[in-house]
Protein backbone atom coordinates (compact mmCIF):
# COMPACT_ATOMS: atom_id res chain seq x y z
CA ARG A 1 -6.15 9.66 -14.41
CA ASP A 2 -8.96 7.30 -13.41
CA VAL A 3 -6.65 5.68 -10.85
CA GLU A 4 -6.01 9.13 -9.33
CA ARG A 5 -9.75 9.77 -9.12
CA SER A 6 -10.42 6.45 -7.40
CA ARG A 7 -7.62 7.12 -4.92
CA GLY A 8 -9.17 10.52 -4.25
CA LEU A 9 -12.51 8.84 -3.55
CA GLY A 10 -10.78 6.61 -1.03
CA ASP A 11 -9.29 9.67 0.68
CA VAL A 12 -12.69 11.38 0.84
CA TYR A 13 -14.29 8.23 2.27
CA LYS A 14 -11.52 7.90 4.86
CA ARG A 15 -11.87 11.51 5.95
CA GLN A 16 -15.65 11.29 6.15
CA TYR A 17 -15.98 7.95 7.95
CA GLY A 18 -12.45 7.27 9.22
CA ASP A 19 -13.33 7.75 12.89
CA ARG A 20 -15.75 4.80 12.69
CA PHE A 21 -13.11 2.26 11.67
CA ASP A 22 -10.20 0.57 13.39
CA LEU A 23 -7.16 1.75 11.41
CA ASP A 24 -5.41 -1.63 11.63
CA GLN A 25 -8.41 -3.51 10.25
CA PHE A 26 -9.08 -0.88 7.60
CA MET A 27 -5.46 -1.04 6.40
CA LYS A 28 -5.51 -4.86 6.36
CA LEU A 29 -8.73 -4.93 4.33
CA SER A 30 -7.35 -2.29 1.97
CA THR A 31 -4.20 -4.34 1.51
CA LEU A 32 -6.25 -7.44 0.67
CA LEU A 33 -8.25 -5.33 -1.80
CA CYS A 34 -4.97 -4.16 -3.33
CA ILE A 35 -3.75 -7.74 -3.70
CA GLY A 36 -7.05 -8.65 -5.36
CA SER A 37 -6.76 -5.75 -7.77
CA TYR A 38 -3.23 -6.79 -8.74
CA LEU A 39 -4.52 -10.31 -9.40
CA LEU A 40 -7.25 -8.87 -11.65
CA ILE A 41 -4.70 -6.81 -13.57
CA ALA A 42 -2.20 -9.65 -13.91
CA PHE A 43 -4.45 -12.62 -14.69
CA VAL A 44 -7.63 -11.41 -16.39
CA PRO A 45 -6.87 -10.65 -20.05
CA VAL A 46 -9.90 -8.37 -20.55
CA PRO A 47 -8.96 -4.68 -20.85
CA ALA A 48 -12.15 -3.44 -19.16
CA VAL A 49 -11.54 -5.73 -16.17
CA GLU A 50 -7.91 -4.61 -16.01
CA LEU A 51 -9.08 -1.00 -15.92
CA VAL A 52 -11.47 -1.84 -13.09
CA GLY A 53 -8.52 -3.51 -11.32
CA CYS A 54 -6.51 -0.30 -11.67
CA ALA A 55 -9.39 1.74 -10.20
CA ILE A 56 -9.78 -0.70 -7.30
CA CYS A 57 -6.05 -0.50 -6.68
CA GLY A 58 -6.18 3.29 -6.58
CA PHE A 59 -9.08 3.17 -4.12
CA SER A 60 -7.39 0.59 -1.91
CA VAL A 61 -4.10 2.44 -1.49
CA GLY A 62 -5.78 5.68 -0.38
CA ILE A 63 -5.41 4.77 3.30
CA MET A 64 -1.95 3.23 3.21
CA TRP A 65 0.26 6.31 3.28
CA PRO A 66 -1.76 8.41 5.77
CA GLY A 67 -2.40 5.27 7.84
CA THR A 68 1.32 4.55 7.99
CA PHE A 69 2.00 8.09 9.18
CA SER A 70 -0.74 7.81 11.82
CA LYS A 71 0.49 4.46 13.09
CA ALA A 72 4.12 5.59 13.17
CA SER A 73 3.42 8.83 15.02
CA ALA A 74 1.19 7.01 17.53
CA SER A 75 3.75 4.26 18.13
CA LEU A 76 6.87 6.41 18.30
CA LYS A 77 5.86 9.41 20.35
CA ARG A 78 9.33 10.94 20.30
CA GLY A 79 10.03 10.25 16.61
CA GLY A 80 9.70 13.89 15.62
CA THR A 81 11.23 15.23 12.44
CA VAL A 82 13.56 12.27 12.07
CA LEU A 83 10.61 9.88 11.97
CA PHE A 84 8.90 11.80 9.19
CA ALA A 85 12.16 12.18 7.27
CA LEU A 86 12.71 8.41 7.40
CA LEU A 87 9.11 7.77 6.34
CA ALA A 88 9.56 10.16 3.41
CA LEU A 89 12.78 8.37 2.43
CA ALA A 90 11.07 4.99 2.65
CA GLY A 91 8.21 6.33 0.52
CA ASP A 92 10.65 7.58 -2.11
CA LEU A 93 12.43 4.21 -2.16
CA GLY A 94 9.12 2.41 -2.55
CA CYS A 95 7.96 4.73 -5.33
CA SER A 96 11.13 4.02 -7.28
CA GLY A 97 11.71 0.40 -6.27
CA GLY A 98 8.24 -0.90 -7.14
CA PRO A 99 8.18 0.20 -10.76
CA THR A 100 11.82 -0.85 -11.13
CA LEU A 101 10.98 -4.38 -9.97
CA VAL A 102 8.00 -4.52 -12.35
CA GLY A 103 10.24 -3.38 -15.23
CA PHE A 104 13.01 -5.87 -14.44
CA VAL A 105 10.62 -8.79 -14.10
CA SER A 106 8.70 -7.79 -17.23
CA SER A 107 11.95 -7.55 -19.19
CA ALA A 108 13.07 -10.95 -17.97
CA PHE A 109 9.83 -12.45 -19.32
CA SER A 110 9.93 -11.01 -22.85
CA ASN A 111 8.45 -7.63 -21.84
CA ASN A 112 5.34 -9.28 -20.41
CA LEU A 113 3.86 -6.59 -18.18
CA ARG A 114 1.34 -9.02 -16.69
CA VAL A 115 4.17 -11.02 -15.14
CA GLY A 116 5.74 -7.82 -13.80
CA ILE A 117 2.46 -6.72 -12.22
CA GLY A 118 2.07 -10.22 -10.80
CA ALA A 119 5.48 -9.88 -9.17
CA SER A 120 4.49 -6.54 -7.65
CA ILE A 121 2.00 -8.39 -5.43
CA LEU A 122 5.06 -8.79 -3.22
CA PHE A 123 4.65 -5.22 -1.90
CA PRO A 124 1.10 -5.43 -0.52
CA VAL A 125 1.87 -8.91 0.82
CA LEU A 126 4.83 -7.47 2.74
CA LEU A 127 2.65 -4.62 3.99
CA LEU A 128 0.02 -7.09 5.19
CA ALA A 129 2.69 -9.14 6.96
CA GLY A 130 3.99 -5.98 8.63
CA LEU A 131 0.50 -4.97 9.73
CA VAL A 132 -0.14 -8.40 11.22
CA LEU A 133 3.23 -8.32 12.99
CA VAL A 134 2.67 -4.83 14.40
CA SER A 135 -0.87 -5.59 15.57
CA SER A 136 0.32 -8.79 17.29
CA LYS A 137 2.93 -6.78 19.20
CA ARG A 138 0.55 -3.94 20.05
CA ASN A 139 1.01 -4.32 23.79
CA GLU A 140 4.79 -4.17 23.63
CA LYS A 141 6.37 -0.76 24.07
CA CYS A 142 8.14 0.64 21.00
CA GLN A 143 11.47 2.30 21.58
CA ILE A 144 13.58 4.20 19.16
CA ILE A 145 17.33 4.46 19.62
CA PHE A 146 19.45 7.05 17.85
């Protein structure tokens, strides 16, 4: 519940001050904050610090989903309904694949959830790599072929 509240605070902050920030930079910084929160959760064996890590994680991911939608709709002007359907599918796959990976890795290491959470750092790292790749190709025209 606290994670949901912190994510909500991130949404409120984004809506209030979002026009003052570059979306690419804001998403990159949020991704780095997410990676840091996962490191806190995985490697600091103090429950209070782990809880703070969960709250930071909730705050940091508040921009990722709406930011992805904004970037996709800006990049692919003719994406339409298909674009949003594919984004929804990708979101569903991520929401099921992430916890599945954490569970598999935790099980492989004697049900050690810290190791599973440590492995989940893969997801924000991939997001950061994607953001860097997209921002480096900003001047190239995106085309979608169906």
